Structure formats: C-alpha cells, structure tokens
PDB file of N, CA and C in Angstrom:
ATOM      1  N   UNK A   1     -10.627   3.469  15.890  1.00  0.00           N
ATOM      2  CA  UNK A   1      -9.692   2.451  15.482  1.00  0.00           C
ATOM      3  C   UNK A   1     -10.278   1.733  14.275  1.00  0.00           C
ATOM      4  N   UNK A   2      -9.704   1.925  13.126  1.00  0.00           N
ATOM      5  CA  UNK A   2     -10.098   1.268  11.939  1.00  0.00           C
ATOM      6  C   UNK A   2      -8.890   0.566  11.284  1.00  0.00           C
ATOM      7  N   UNK A   3      -9.179  -0.382  10.408  1.00  0.00           N
ATOM      8  CA  UNK A   3      -8.132  -1.165   9.839  1.00  0.00           C
ATOM      9  C   UNK A   3      -8.433  -1.423   8.335  1.00  0.00           C
ATOM     10  N   UNK A   4      -7.380  -1.784   7.617  1.00  0.00           N
ATOM     11  CA  UNK A   4      -7.510  -2.122   6.230  1.00  0.00           C
ATOM     12  C   UNK A   4      -7.089  -3.568   6.034  1.00  0.00           C
ATOM     13  N   UNK A   5      -7.891  -4.333   5.265  1.00  0.00           N
ATOM     14  CA  UNK A   5      -7.601  -5.688   4.954  1.00  0.00           C
ATOM     15  C   UNK A   5      -7.310  -5.791   3.526  1.00  0.00           C
ATOM     16  N   UNK A   6      -6.125  -6.326   3.143  1.00  0.00           N
ATOM     17  CA  UNK A   6      -5.703  -6.394   1.718  1.00  0.00           C
ATOM     18  C   UNK A   6      -4.828  -7.576   1.492  1.00  0.00           C
ATOM     19  N   UNK A   7      -4.646  -7.911   0.253  1.00  0.00           N
ATOM     20  CA  UNK A   7      -3.705  -8.959  -0.138  1.00  0.00           C
ATOM     21  C   UNK A   7      -2.551  -8.253  -0.898  1.00  0.00           C
ATOM     22  N   UNK A   8      -1.311  -8.285  -0.342  1.00  0.00           N
ATOM     23  CA  UNK A   8      -0.202  -7.528  -0.926  1.00  0.00           C
ATOM     24  C   UNK A   8       0.166  -8.071  -2.299  1.00  0.00           C
ATOM     25  N   UNK A   9       0.594  -7.169  -3.200  1.00  0.00           N
ATOM     26  CA  UNK A   9       1.039  -7.550  -4.523  1.00  0.00           C
ATOM     27  C   UNK A   9       2.515  -7.913  -4.402  1.00  0.00           C
ATOM     28  N   UNK A  10       3.023  -8.547  -5.426  1.00  0.00           N
ATOM     29  CA  UNK A  10       4.472  -8.837  -5.417  1.00  0.00           C
ATOM     30  C   UNK A  10       5.296  -7.538  -5.527  1.00  0.00           C
ATOM     31  N   UNK A  11       6.467  -7.642  -4.930  1.00  0.00           N
ATOM     32  CA  UNK A  11       7.340  -6.445  -4.966  1.00  0.00           C
ATOM     33  C   UNK A  11       8.006  -6.267  -6.341  1.00  0.00           C
ATOM     34  N   UNK A  12       8.598  -5.135  -6.605  1.00  0.00           N
ATOM     35  CA  UNK A  12       9.279  -4.919  -7.875  1.00  0.00           C
ATOM     36  C   UNK A  12      10.527  -5.787  -8.045  1.00  0.00           C
ATOM     37  N   UNK A  13      11.005  -6.314  -6.921  1.00  0.00           N
ATOM     38  CA  UNK A  13      12.211  -7.183  -7.002  1.00  0.00           C
ATOM     39  C   UNK A  13      11.874  -8.607  -7.245  1.00  0.00           C
ATOM     40  N   UNK A  14      10.613  -8.944  -7.338  1.00  0.00           N
ATOM     41  CA  UNK A  14      10.208 -10.355  -7.530  1.00  0.00           C
ATOM     42  C   UNK A  14       9.821 -10.566  -9.034  1.00  0.00           C
ATOM     43  N   UNK A  15      10.155 -11.747  -9.576  1.00  0.00           N
ATOM     44  CA  UNK A  15       9.657 -12.120 -10.848  1.00  0.00           C
ATOM     45  C   UNK A  15       8.544 -13.094 -10.727  1.00  0.00           C
ATOM     46  N   UNK A  16       8.484 -13.812  -9.624  1.00  0.00           N
ATOM     47  CA  UNK A  16       7.451 -14.799  -9.400  1.00  0.00           C
ATOM     48  C   UNK A  16       6.384 -14.318  -8.453  1.00  0.00           C
ATOM     49  N   UNK A  17       5.542 -15.200  -7.985  1.00  0.00           N
ATOM     50  CA  UNK A  17       4.506 -14.815  -7.034  1.00  0.00           C
ATOM     51  C   UNK A  17       4.738 -15.360  -5.642  1.00  0.00           C
ATOM     52  N   UNK A  18       5.957 -15.531  -5.301  1.00  0.00           N
ATOM     53  CA  UNK A  18       6.266 -15.986  -3.907  1.00  0.00           C
ATOM     54  C   UNK A  18       5.884 -14.868  -2.900  1.00  0.00           C
ATOM     55  N   UNK A  19       5.550 -15.266  -1.728  1.00  0.00           N
ATOM     56  CA  UNK A  19       5.133 -14.427  -0.650  1.00  0.00           C
ATOM     57  C   UNK A  19       3.934 -13.499  -1.007  1.00  0.00           C
ATOM     58  N   UNK A  20       3.053 -14.013  -1.823  1.00  0.00           N
ATOM     59  CA  UNK A  20       1.789 -13.386  -2.116  1.00  0.00           C
ATOM     60  C   UNK A  20       0.652 -14.384  -1.845  1.00  0.00           C
ATOM     61  N   UNK A  21      -0.533 -13.968  -1.929  1.00  0.00           N
ATOM     62  CA  UNK A  21      -1.680 -14.867  -1.697  1.00  0.00           C
ATOM     63  C   UNK A  21      -2.214 -14.912  -0.330  1.00  0.00           C
ATOM     64  N   UNK A  22      -1.537 -14.180   0.571  1.00  0.00           N
ATOM     65  CA  UNK A  22      -2.074 -14.134   1.971  1.00  0.00           C
ATOM     66  C   UNK A  22      -2.732 -12.766   2.151  1.00  0.00           C
ATOM     67  N   UNK A  23      -3.444 -12.618   3.273  1.00  0.00           N
ATOM     68  CA  UNK A  23      -4.180 -11.404   3.562  1.00  0.00           C
ATOM     69  C   UNK A  23      -3.558 -10.722   4.783  1.00  0.00           C
ATOM     70  N   UNK A  24      -3.565  -9.354   4.793  1.00  0.00           N
ATOM     71  CA  UNK A  24      -2.918  -8.607   5.818  1.00  0.00           C
ATOM     72  C   UNK A  24      -3.983  -7.639   6.419  1.00  0.00           C
ATOM     73  N   UNK A  25      -3.973  -7.493   7.797  1.00  0.00           N
ATOM     74  CA  UNK A  25      -4.746  -6.507   8.437  1.00  0.00           C
ATOM     75  C   UNK A  25      -3.798  -5.525   9.029  1.00  0.00           C
ATOM     76  N   UNK A  26      -3.946  -4.234   8.593  1.00  0.00           N
ATOM     77  CA  UNK A  26      -3.107  -3.141   9.094  1.00  0.00           C
ATOM     78  C   UNK A  26      -4.012  -2.022   9.646  1.00  0.00           C
ATOM     79  N   UNK A  27      -3.637  -1.472  10.763  1.00  0.00           N
ATOM     80  CA  UNK A  27      -4.371  -0.438  11.355  1.00  0.00           C
ATOM     81  C   UNK A  27      -4.070   0.926  10.676  1.00  0.00           C
ATOM     82  N   UNK A  28      -5.096   1.799  10.558  1.00  0.00           N
ATOM     83  CA  UNK A  28      -4.930   3.100   9.962  1.00  0.00           C
ATOM     84  C   UNK A  28      -4.243   3.971  10.995  1.00  0.00           C
ATOM     85  N   UNK A  29      -3.404   4.942  10.585  1.00  0.00           N
ATOM     86  CA  UNK A  29      -2.754   5.807  11.550  1.00  0.00           C
ATOM     87  C   UNK A  29      -3.734   6.746  12.249  1.00  0.00           C
ATOM     88  N   UNK A  30      -3.617   6.873  13.564  1.00  0.00           N
ATOM     89  CA  UNK A  30      -4.497   7.732  14.350  1.00  0.00           C
ATOM     90  C   UNK A  30      -3.960   9.106  14.527  1.00  0.00           C
ATOM     91  N   UNK A  31      -2.646   9.308  14.376  1.00  0.00           N
ATOM     92  CA  UNK A  31      -2.066  10.664  14.422  1.00  0.00           C
ATOM     93  C   UNK A  31      -0.992  10.750  13.327  1.00  0.00           C
ATOM     94  N   UNK A  32      -0.820  11.959  12.861  1.00  0.00           N
ATOM     95  CA  UNK A  32       0.093  12.106  11.746  1.00  0.00           C
ATOM     96  C   UNK A  32       1.581  11.924  12.217  1.00  0.00           C
ATOM     97  N   UNK A  33       2.437  11.600  11.281  1.00  0.00           N
ATOM     98  CA  UNK A  33       3.835  11.411  11.594  1.00  0.00           C
ATOM     99  C   UNK A  33       4.505  12.764  11.750  1.00  0.00           C
ATOM    100  N   UNK A  34       5.555  12.819  12.544  1.00  0.00           N
ATOM    101  CA  UNK A  34       6.286  14.057  12.809  1.00  0.00           C
ATOM    102  C   UNK A  34       7.721  13.948  12.336  1.00  0.00           C
ATOM    103  N   UNK A  35       8.317  15.009  11.835  1.00  0.00           N
ATOM    104  CA  UNK A  35       9.666  15.036  11.414  1.00  0.00           C
ATOM    105  C   UNK A  35      10.517  15.634  12.484  1.00  0.00           C
ATOM    106  N   UNK A  36      11.567  14.909  12.924  1.00  0.00           N
ATOM    107  CA  UNK A  36      12.413  15.392  13.997  1.00  0.00           C
ATOM    108  C   UNK A  36      13.259  16.583  13.352  1.00  0.00           C
ATOM    109  N   UNK A  37      13.249  17.762  14.056  1.00  0.00           N
ATOM    110  CA  UNK A  37      13.922  18.878  13.449  1.00  0.00           C
ATOM    111  C   UNK A  37      15.474  18.745  13.397  1.00  0.00           C
ATOM    112  N   UNK A  38      16.029  17.996  14.329  1.00  0.00           N
ATOM    113  CA  UNK A  38      17.497  17.864  14.421  1.00  0.00           C
ATOM    114  C   UNK A  38      18.002  16.850  13.388  1.00  0.00           C
ATOM    115  N   UNK A  39      17.487  15.660  13.408  1.00  0.00           N
ATOM    116  CA  UNK A  39      18.015  14.577  12.615  1.00  0.00           C
ATOM    117  C   UNK A  39      17.228  14.365  11.293  1.00  0.00           C
ATOM    118  N   UNK A  40      15.972  14.803  11.260  1.00  0.00           N
ATOM    119  CA  UNK A  40      15.199  14.659  10.058  1.00  0.00           C
ATOM    120  C   UNK A  40      14.456  13.278  10.024  1.00  0.00           C
ATOM    121  N   UNK A  41      14.508  12.509  11.137  1.00  0.00           N
ATOM    122  CA  UNK A  41      13.838  11.251  11.117  1.00  0.00           C
ATOM    123  C   UNK A  41      12.324  11.431  11.186  1.00  0.00           C
ATOM    124  N   UNK A  42      11.574  10.518  10.613  1.00  0.00           N
ATOM    125  CA  UNK A  42      10.127  10.509  10.723  1.00  0.00           C
ATOM    126  C   UNK A  42       9.708   9.615  11.800  1.00  0.00           C
ATOM    127  N   UNK A  43       8.918  10.140  12.745  1.00  0.00           N
ATOM    128  CA  UNK A  43       8.529   9.317  13.868  1.00  0.00           C
ATOM    129  C   UNK A  43       7.002   9.476  14.112  1.00  0.00           C
ATOM    130  N   UNK A  44       6.492   8.584  14.920  1.00  0.00           N
ATOM    131  CA  UNK A  44       5.104   8.613  15.276  1.00  0.00           C
ATOM    132  C   UNK A  44       4.891   8.077  16.663  1.00  0.00           C
ATOM    133  N   UNK A  45       3.931   8.601  17.368  1.00  0.00           N
ATOM    134  CA  UNK A  45       3.601   8.112  18.673  1.00  0.00           C
ATOM    135  C   UNK A  45       2.490   7.041  18.631  1.00  0.00           C
ATOM    136  N   UNK A  46       2.040   6.678  17.429  1.00  0.00           N
ATOM    137  CA  UNK A  46       0.977   5.727  17.254  1.00  0.00           C
ATOM    138  C   UNK A  46       1.605   4.285  17.215  1.00  0.00           C
ATOM    139  N   UNK A  47       1.408   3.485  18.217  1.00  0.00           N
ATOM    140  CA  UNK A  47       1.994   2.198  18.267  1.00  0.00           C
ATOM    141  C   UNK A  47       1.236   1.156  17.430  1.00  0.00           C
ATOM    142  N   UNK A  48      -0.023   1.464  17.122  1.00  0.00           N
ATOM    143  CA  UNK A  48      -0.758   0.491  16.276  1.00  0.00           C
ATOM    144  C   UNK A  48      -0.315   0.512  14.832  1.00  0.00           C
ATOM    145  N   UNK A  49       0.398   1.507  14.431  1.00  0.00           N
ATOM    146  CA  UNK A  49       0.920   1.526  13.073  1.00  0.00           C
ATOM    147  C   UNK A  49       2.042   0.502  12.825  1.00  0.00           C
ATOM    148  N   UNK A  50       2.516  -0.104  13.901  1.00  0.00           N
ATOM    149  CA  UNK A  50       3.609  -1.120  13.756  1.00  0.00           C
ATOM    150  C   UNK A  50       2.995  -2.519  13.694  1.00  0.00           C
ATOM    151  N   UNK A  51       1.669  -2.648  13.977  1.00  0.00           N
ATOM    152  CA  UNK A  51       1.081  -3.962  13.949  1.00  0.00           C
ATOM    153  C   UNK A  51       0.634  -4.318  12.523  1.00  0.00           C
ATOM    154  N   UNK A  52       1.010  -5.568  12.146  1.00  0.00           N
ATOM    155  CA  UNK A  52       0.640  -6.074  10.811  1.00  0.00           C
ATOM    156  C   UNK A  52       0.340  -7.555  10.999  1.00  0.00           C
ATOM    157  N   UNK A  53      -0.937  -7.865  10.945  1.00  0.00           N
ATOM    158  CA  UNK A  53      -1.385  -9.275  11.204  1.00  0.00           C
ATOM    159  C   UNK A  53      -1.630  -9.932   9.812  1.00  0.00           C
ATOM    160  N   UNK A  54      -1.159 -11.168   9.669  1.00  0.00           N
ATOM    161  CA  UNK A  54      -1.331 -11.948   8.398  1.00  0.00           C
ATOM    162  C   UNK A  54      -2.310 -13.088   8.650  1.00  0.00           C
ATOM    163  N   UNK A  55      -3.054 -13.370   7.568  1.00  0.00           N
ATOM    164  CA  UNK A  55      -4.047 -14.437   7.606  1.00  0.00           C
ATOM    165  C   UNK A  55      -3.986 -15.216   6.295  1.00  0.00           C
ATOM    166  N   UNK A  56      -4.428 -16.459   6.327  1.00  0.00           N
ATOM    167  CA  UNK A  56      -4.422 -17.303   5.132  1.00  0.00           C
ATOM    168  C   UNK A  56      -5.478 -16.906   4.160  1.00  0.00           C
ATOM    169  N   UNK A  57      -6.680 -16.532   4.664  1.00  0.00           N
ATOM    170  CA  UNK A  57      -7.759 -16.196   3.774  1.00  0.00           C
ATOM    171  C   UNK A  57      -8.367 -14.847   4.211  1.00  0.00           C
ATOM    172  N   UNK A  58      -9.131 -14.245   3.285  1.00  0.00           N
ATOM    173  CA  UNK A  58      -9.820 -13.031   3.531  1.00  0.00           C
ATOM    174  C   UNK A  58     -10.872 -13.182   4.656  1.00  0.00           C
ATOM    175  N   UNK A  59     -11.573 -14.375   4.615  1.00  0.00           N
ATOM    176  CA  UNK A  59     -12.635 -14.626   5.606  1.00  0.00           C
ATOM    177  C   UNK A  59     -12.035 -14.695   7.062  1.00  0.00           C
ATOM    178  N   UNK A  60     -10.850 -15.206   7.195  1.00  0.00           N
ATOM    179  CA  UNK A  60     -10.235 -15.247   8.515  1.00  0.00           C
ATOM    180  C   UNK A  60      -9.922 -13.855   9.049  1.00  0.00           C
ATOM    181  N   UNK A  61      -9.483 -12.952   8.137  1.00  0.00           N
ATOM    182  CA  UNK A  61      -9.121 -11.602   8.556  1.00  0.00           C
ATOM    183  C   UNK A  61     -10.398 -10.807   8.903  1.00  0.00           C
ATOM    184  N   UNK A  62     -11.447 -11.011   8.088  1.00  0.00           N
ATOM    185  CA  UNK A  62     -12.682 -10.321   8.387  1.00  0.00           C
ATOM    186  C   UNK A  62     -13.336 -10.819   9.724  1.00  0.00           C
ATOM    187  N   UNK A  63     -13.263 -12.167   9.908  1.00  0.00           N
ATOM    188  CA  UNK A  63     -13.762 -12.731  11.160  1.00  0.00           C
ATOM    189  C   UNK A  63     -12.997 -12.220  12.426  1.00  0.00           C
ATOM    190  N   UNK A  64     -11.700 -12.064  12.288  1.00  0.00           N
ATOM    191  CA  UNK A  64     -10.867 -11.490  13.354  1.00  0.00           C
ATOM    192  C   UNK A  64     -11.316 -10.117  13.703  1.00  0.00           C
ATOM    193  N   UNK A  65     -11.477  -9.264  12.652  1.00  0.00           N
ATOM    194  CA  UNK A  65     -11.858  -7.835  12.831  1.00  0.00           C
ATOM    195  C   UNK A  65     -13.251  -7.777  13.492  1.00  0.00           C
ATOM    196  N   UNK A  66     -14.165  -8.580  13.041  1.00  0.00           N
ATOM    197  CA  UNK A  66     -15.531  -8.582  13.600  1.00  0.00           C
ATOM    198  C   UNK A  66     -15.489  -9.050  15.038  1.00  0.00           C
ATOM    199  N   UNK A  67     -14.758 -10.140  15.317  1.00  0.00           N
ATOM    200  CA  UNK A  67     -14.693 -10.682  16.670  1.00  0.00           C
ATOM    201  C   UNK A  67     -14.128  -9.676  17.684  1.00  0.00           C
ATOM    202  N   UNK A  68     -13.205  -8.860  17.243  1.00  0.00           N
ATOM    203  CA  UNK A  68     -12.540  -7.871  18.164  1.00  0.00           C
ATOM    204  C   UNK A  68     -13.123  -6.448  18.069  1.00  0.00           C
ATOM    205  N   UNK A  69     -14.220  -6.310  17.282  1.00  0.00           N
ATOM    206  CA  UNK A  69     -14.891  -4.992  17.209  1.00  0.00           C
ATOM    207  C   UNK A  69     -14.044  -3.942  16.496  1.00  0.00           C
ATOM    208  N   UNK A  70     -13.275  -4.340  15.496  1.00  0.00           N
ATOM    209  CA  UNK A  70     -12.463  -3.408  14.707  1.00  0.00           C
ATOM    210  C   UNK A  70     -13.220  -3.032  13.444  1.00  0.00           C
ATOM    211  N   UNK A  71     -13.394  -1.719  13.226  1.00  0.00           N
ATOM    212  CA  UNK A  71     -13.997  -1.234  11.954  1.00  0.00           C
ATOM    213  C   UNK A  71     -12.968  -1.498  10.874  1.00  0.00           C
ATOM    214  N   UNK A  72     -13.382  -2.030   9.757  1.00  0.00           N
ATOM    215  CA  UNK A  72     -12.427  -2.400   8.698  1.00  0.00           C
ATOM    216  C   UNK A  72     -13.003  -2.127   7.319  1.00  0.00           C
ATOM    217  N   UNK A  73     -12.110  -2.076   6.319  1.00  0.00           N
ATOM    218  CA  UNK A  73     -12.503  -2.003   4.917  1.00  0.00           C
ATOM    219  C   UNK A  73     -11.612  -3.000   4.164  1.00  0.00           C
ATOM    220  N   UNK A  74     -12.165  -3.671   3.197  1.00  0.00           N
ATOM    221  CA  UNK A  74     -11.467  -4.675   2.447  1.00  0.00           C
ATOM    222  C   UNK A  74     -11.128  -4.097   1.094  1.00  0.00           C
ATOM    223  N   UNK A  75      -9.840  -4.216   0.714  1.00  0.00           N
ATOM    224  CA  UNK A  75      -9.388  -3.826  -0.635  1.00  0.00           C
ATOM    225  C   UNK A  75      -9.099  -5.094  -1.406  1.00  0.00           C
ATOM    226  N   UNK A  76      -9.897  -5.333  -2.455  1.00  0.00           N
ATOM    227  CA  UNK A  76      -9.692  -6.528  -3.294  1.00  0.00           C
ATOM    228  C   UNK A  76      -8.428  -6.363  -4.138  1.00  0.00           C
ATOM    229  N   UNK A  77      -7.697  -7.424  -4.374  1.00  0.00           N
ATOM    230  CA  UNK A  77      -6.503  -7.309  -5.224  1.00  0.00           C
ATOM    231  C   UNK A  77      -6.862  -7.157  -6.656  1.00  0.00           C
ATOM    232  N   UNK A  78      -6.022  -6.418  -7.413  1.00  0.00           N
ATOM    233  CA  UNK A  78      -6.246  -6.290  -8.832  1.00  0.00           C
ATOM    234  C   UNK A  78      -5.536  -7.427  -9.609  1.00  0.00           C
ATOM    235  N   UNK A  79      -6.185  -7.956 -10.582  1.00  0.00           N
ATOM    236  CA  UNK A  79      -5.559  -8.998 -11.420  1.00  0.00           C
ATOM    237  C   UNK A  79      -4.544  -8.419 -12.395  1.00  0.00           C
ATOM    238  N   UNK A  80      -3.386  -9.035 -12.475  1.00  0.00           N
ATOM    239  CA  UNK A  80      -2.342  -8.590 -13.403  1.00  0.00           C
ATOM    240  C   UNK A  80      -2.711  -9.081 -14.781  1.00  0.00           C
ATOM    241  N   UNK A  81      -2.800  -8.168 -15.716  1.00  0.00           N
ATOM    242  CA  UNK A  81      -3.011  -8.588 -17.096  1.00  0.00           C
ATOM    243  C   UNK A  81      -1.700  -8.591 -17.858  1.00  0.00           C
ATOM    244  N   UNK A  82      -1.300  -9.745 -18.387  1.00  0.00           N
ATOM    245  CA  UNK A  82      -0.050  -9.909 -19.043  1.00  0.00           C
ATOM    246  C   UNK A  82      -0.301 -10.232 -20.509  1.00  0.00           C
ATOM    247  N   UNK A  83       0.492  -9.604 -21.338  1.00  0.00           N
ATOM    248  CA  UNK A  83       0.396  -9.855 -22.760  1.00  0.00           C
ATOM    249  C   UNK A  83       1.408 -10.901 -23.135  1.00  0.00           C
ATOM    250  N   UNK A  84       0.965 -11.966 -23.776  1.00  0.00           N
ATOM    251  CA  UNK A  84       1.820 -13.063 -24.182  1.00  0.00           C
ATOM    252  C   UNK A  84       2.390 -12.773 -25.552  1.00  0.00           C
ATOM    253  N   UNK A  85       3.663 -12.546 -25.642  1.00  0.00           N
ATOM    254  CA  UNK A  85       4.336 -12.358 -26.961  1.00  0.00           C
ATOM    255  C   UNK A  85       5.539 -13.304 -26.982  1.00  0.00           C
ATOM    256  N   UNK A  86       5.951 -13.598 -28.168  1.00  0.00           N
ATOM    257  CA  UNK A  86       7.101 -14.514 -28.308  1.00  0.00           C
ATOM    258  C   UNK A  86       8.372 -13.638 -28.479  1.00  0.00           C
ATOM    259  N   UNK A  87       9.483 -14.287 -28.267  1.00  0.00           N
ATOM    260  CA  UNK A  87      10.796 -13.651 -28.461  1.00  0.00           C
ATOM    261  C   UNK A  87      10.993 -13.218 -29.900  1.00  0.00           C
ATOM    262  N   UNK A  88      10.444 -13.962 -30.826  1.00  0.00           N
ATOM    263  CA  UNK A  88      10.608 -13.665 -32.231  1.00  0.00           C
ATOM    264  C   UNK A  88       9.944 -12.355 -32.650  1.00  0.00           C
ATOM    265  N   UNK A  89       8.972 -11.858 -31.858  1.00  0.00           N
ATOM    266  CA  UNK A  89       8.354 -10.595 -32.130  1.00  0.00           C
ATOM    267  C   UNK A  89       9.342  -9.451 -32.177  1.00  0.00           C
ATOM    268  N   UNK A  90      10.475  -9.562 -31.479  1.00  0.00           N
ATOM    269  CA  UNK A  90      11.508  -8.536 -31.477  1.00  0.00           C
ATOM    270  C   UNK A  90      12.181  -8.360 -32.829  1.00  0.00           C
ATOM    271  N   UNK A  91      12.110  -9.374 -33.652  1.00  0.00           N
ATOM    272  CA  UNK A  91      12.877  -9.380 -34.909  1.00  0.00           C
ATOM    273  C   UNK A  91      12.012  -9.432 -36.177  1.00  0.00           C
ATOM    274  N   UNK A  92      10.714  -9.042 -36.023  1.00  0.00           N
ATOM    275  CA  UNK A  92       9.831  -9.079 -37.192  1.00  0.00           C
ATOM    276  C   UNK A  92      10.277  -8.006 -38.154  1.00  0.00           C
ATOM    277  N   UNK A  93      10.118  -8.309 -39.464  1.00  0.00           N
ATOM    278  CA  UNK A  93      10.493  -7.330 -40.515  1.00  0.00           C
ATOM    279  C   UNK A  93       9.485  -6.307 -40.760  1.00  0.00           C
ATOM    280  N   UNK A  94       8.203  -6.557 -40.347  1.00  0.00           N
ATOM    281  CA  UNK A  94       7.109  -5.615 -40.640  1.00  0.00           C
ATOM    282  C   UNK A  94       6.714  -4.804 -39.416  1.00  0.00           C
ATOM    283  N   UNK A  95       7.706  -4.481 -38.544  1.00  0.00           N
ATOM    284  CA  UNK A  95       7.386  -3.687 -37.370  1.00  0.00           C
ATOM    285  C   UNK A  95       7.025  -2.294 -37.738  1.00  0.00           C
ATOM    286  N   UNK A  96       6.125  -1.689 -36.987  1.00  0.00           N
ATOM    287  CA  UNK A  96       5.697  -0.302 -37.287  1.00  0.00           C
ATOM    288  C   UNK A  96       6.768   0.693 -36.830  1.00  0.00           C
ATOM    289  N   UNK A  97       7.473   0.406 -35.790  1.00  0.00           N
ATOM    290  CA  UNK A  97       8.574   1.254 -35.299  1.00  0.00           C
ATOM    291  C   UNK A  97       9.861   0.486 -35.472  1.00  0.00           C
ATOM    292  N   UNK A  98      10.831   1.005 -36.232  1.00  0.00           N
ATOM    293  CA  UNK A  98      12.066   0.257 -36.402  1.00  0.00           C
ATOM    294  C   UNK A  98      12.824   0.083 -35.076  1.00  0.00           C
ATOM    295  N   UNK A  99      13.380  -1.085 -34.911  1.00  0.00           N
ATOM    296  CA  UNK A  99      14.161  -1.457 -33.675  1.00  0.00           C
ATOM    297  C   UNK A  99      15.588  -1.586 -34.013  1.00  0.00           C
ATOM    298  N   UNK A 100      16.398  -0.734 -33.494  1.00  0.00           N
ATOM    299  CA  UNK A 100      17.904  -0.835 -33.705  1.00  0.00           C
ATOM    300  C   UNK A 100      18.583  -0.537 -32.435  1.00  0.00           C
ATOM    301  N   UNK A 101      19.832  -0.847 -32.392  1.00  0.00           N
ATOM    302  CA  UNK A 101      20.652  -0.634 -31.178  1.00  0.00           C
ATOM    303  C   UNK A 101      21.121   0.804 -31.131  1.00  0.00           C
TER     304      UNK A 101
END
C-alpha cells in the first residue's frame, strides 16, 4: 500500500488559482483496471483508488502517512512561468512575423 502526496494544479477551465494550494494524498492502484466486454465501462476492484484525502499543508499529509504506516512519495508542484507582455505588443509595426486576420 503506497500513496502519492501532491498539490494539484489549476484545471484548464480556471483562469485564477482558486481551489489550489492544498495537498492531496491518493493511494496508488493495487490492481489494473478492467474493461467490461459488454458495455465497455472501465472498472476496478480496488476500493482504495476512490480515497482522496486533502490537507492544508504538505507537513500534515506527510505526518498522516507516517502515523498510519503508509509508504508515500511527495511530488513537488512546478512553478508556472508567465511572460508579461502588454496588449500593444499585438500591434507593433516591427514584428518579425506579420499578423493579419
């Protein structure tokens, strides 16, 4: 029984950083998923794959895993690098690639 501790990134449908900044403990699957031959549904007999525990800090998640004897690995979040440009950059006359409609 092993688990992964990570901080989820924002979804593609979000423009802000709401619902981020917390830490999640998820158990690794112990058995592979199966495809139902009749309906094509994907199913699993592994009940721990449904458990998703959230914590305020990474230290709380690590302490919980150590207290309960769960082998874990921590995945640090990647920082988003954003390039600051102004709206006027779209209309510069010395652009290397011409921009037209």
